[in-house]
Structure formats: C-alpha cells, structure tokens
Protein backbone atom coordinates (compact mmCIF):
# COMPACT_ATOMS: atom_id res chain seq x y z
CA UNK A 1 -2.73 7.52 -30.16
CA UNK A 2 -2.40 8.31 -26.47
CA UNK A 3 -2.74 5.53 -23.96
CA UNK A 4 -6.28 5.21 -22.09
CA UNK A 5 -5.62 3.39 -18.55
CA UNK A 6 -8.68 2.40 -16.73
CA UNK A 7 -7.48 3.19 -13.71
CA UNK A 8 -6.61 6.87 -13.76
CA UNK A 9 -3.43 7.95 -12.18
CA UNK A 10 -4.44 9.28 -8.23
CA UNK A 11 -2.18 11.67 -6.40
CA UNK A 12 -0.66 10.28 -3.46
CA UNK A 13 2.16 12.46 -1.53
CA UNK A 14 3.56 10.85 1.70
CA UNK A 15 6.77 12.45 3.05
CA UNK A 16 9.38 10.92 1.46
CA UNK A 17 10.58 9.18 4.41
CA UNK A 18 7.41 7.63 5.56
CA UNK A 19 7.59 6.43 1.59
CA UNK A 20 10.70 4.92 2.26
CA UNK A 21 10.09 3.13 5.05
CA UNK A 22 7.01 1.91 3.63
CA UNK A 23 7.96 0.31 0.48
CA UNK A 24 10.79 -1.41 2.41
CA UNK A 25 7.96 -2.14 4.67
CA UNK A 26 5.90 -4.06 1.41
CA UNK A 27 8.89 -6.09 0.08
CA UNK A 28 9.53 -6.94 3.77
CA UNK A 29 5.88 -8.89 3.71
CA UNK A 30 6.46 -10.24 -0.35
CA UNK A 31 4.10 -7.72 -1.92
CA UNK A 32 3.96 -4.15 -3.00
CA UNK A 33 2.69 -0.67 -2.33
CA UNK A 34 -0.47 -0.88 -4.63
CA UNK A 35 -1.09 -4.16 -3.40
CA UNK A 36 -1.03 -2.88 0.20
CA UNK A 37 -2.34 0.14 -0.40
CA UNK A 38 -5.99 -1.08 -2.38
CA UNK A 39 -5.93 -3.64 0.79
CA UNK A 40 -6.14 -1.09 3.22
CA UNK A 41 -8.87 1.08 1.28
CA UNK A 42 -11.26 -2.16 1.09
CA UNK A 43 -10.68 -2.68 5.18
CA UNK A 44 -11.65 1.34 5.71
CA UNK A 45 -14.60 1.37 3.22
CA UNK A 46 -15.66 -2.12 5.24
CA UNK A 47 -15.43 -4.13 1.71
CA UNK A 48 -13.64 -6.83 4.04
CA UNK A 49 -12.16 -7.31 7.96
CA UNK A 50 -8.97 -8.27 6.92
CA UNK A 51 -5.85 -5.66 7.04
CA UNK A 52 -3.05 -6.60 4.98
CA UNK A 53 -0.20 -8.01 6.61
CA UNK A 54 2.94 -6.08 8.50
CA UNK A 55 6.51 -6.38 9.22
CA UNK A 56 6.57 -8.61 12.49
CA UNK A 57 8.18 -5.84 15.14
CA UNK A 58 11.41 -6.46 16.80
CA UNK A 59 10.49 -7.44 20.16
CA UNK A 60 12.77 -5.12 22.90
C-alpha cells in the first residue's frame, strides 16, 4: 500500500547556489529550511507579524 502524506510535496526549485546559502543560514540559527519557509509564508499571509530569524550580518 503506498504511503499517503498529510501534506503532499510541493515543487520549489530555487537557484542551487541560493539554496546552499539558505541551508547554511538556517543551520546557523539552529533551524531548518521547512520551518523557515513555513514561517515566512505565515508572515506573508498575515498570520503573524514575526519573520523567522536570520544570521547576524558581518559588520564592515
């Protein structure tokens, strides 16, 4: 019997270099890509006013 998921996969195909930088950034703040994308979508749709955290930017 095939596996049935509660939330079927969606196709998201960012630029590979951007995706690698994003994976490093979410790891730096102790998160993962799924949590960050979900958090951003909640902010985008007005469900929350809080954006997911991002790493500190180096000071020049």
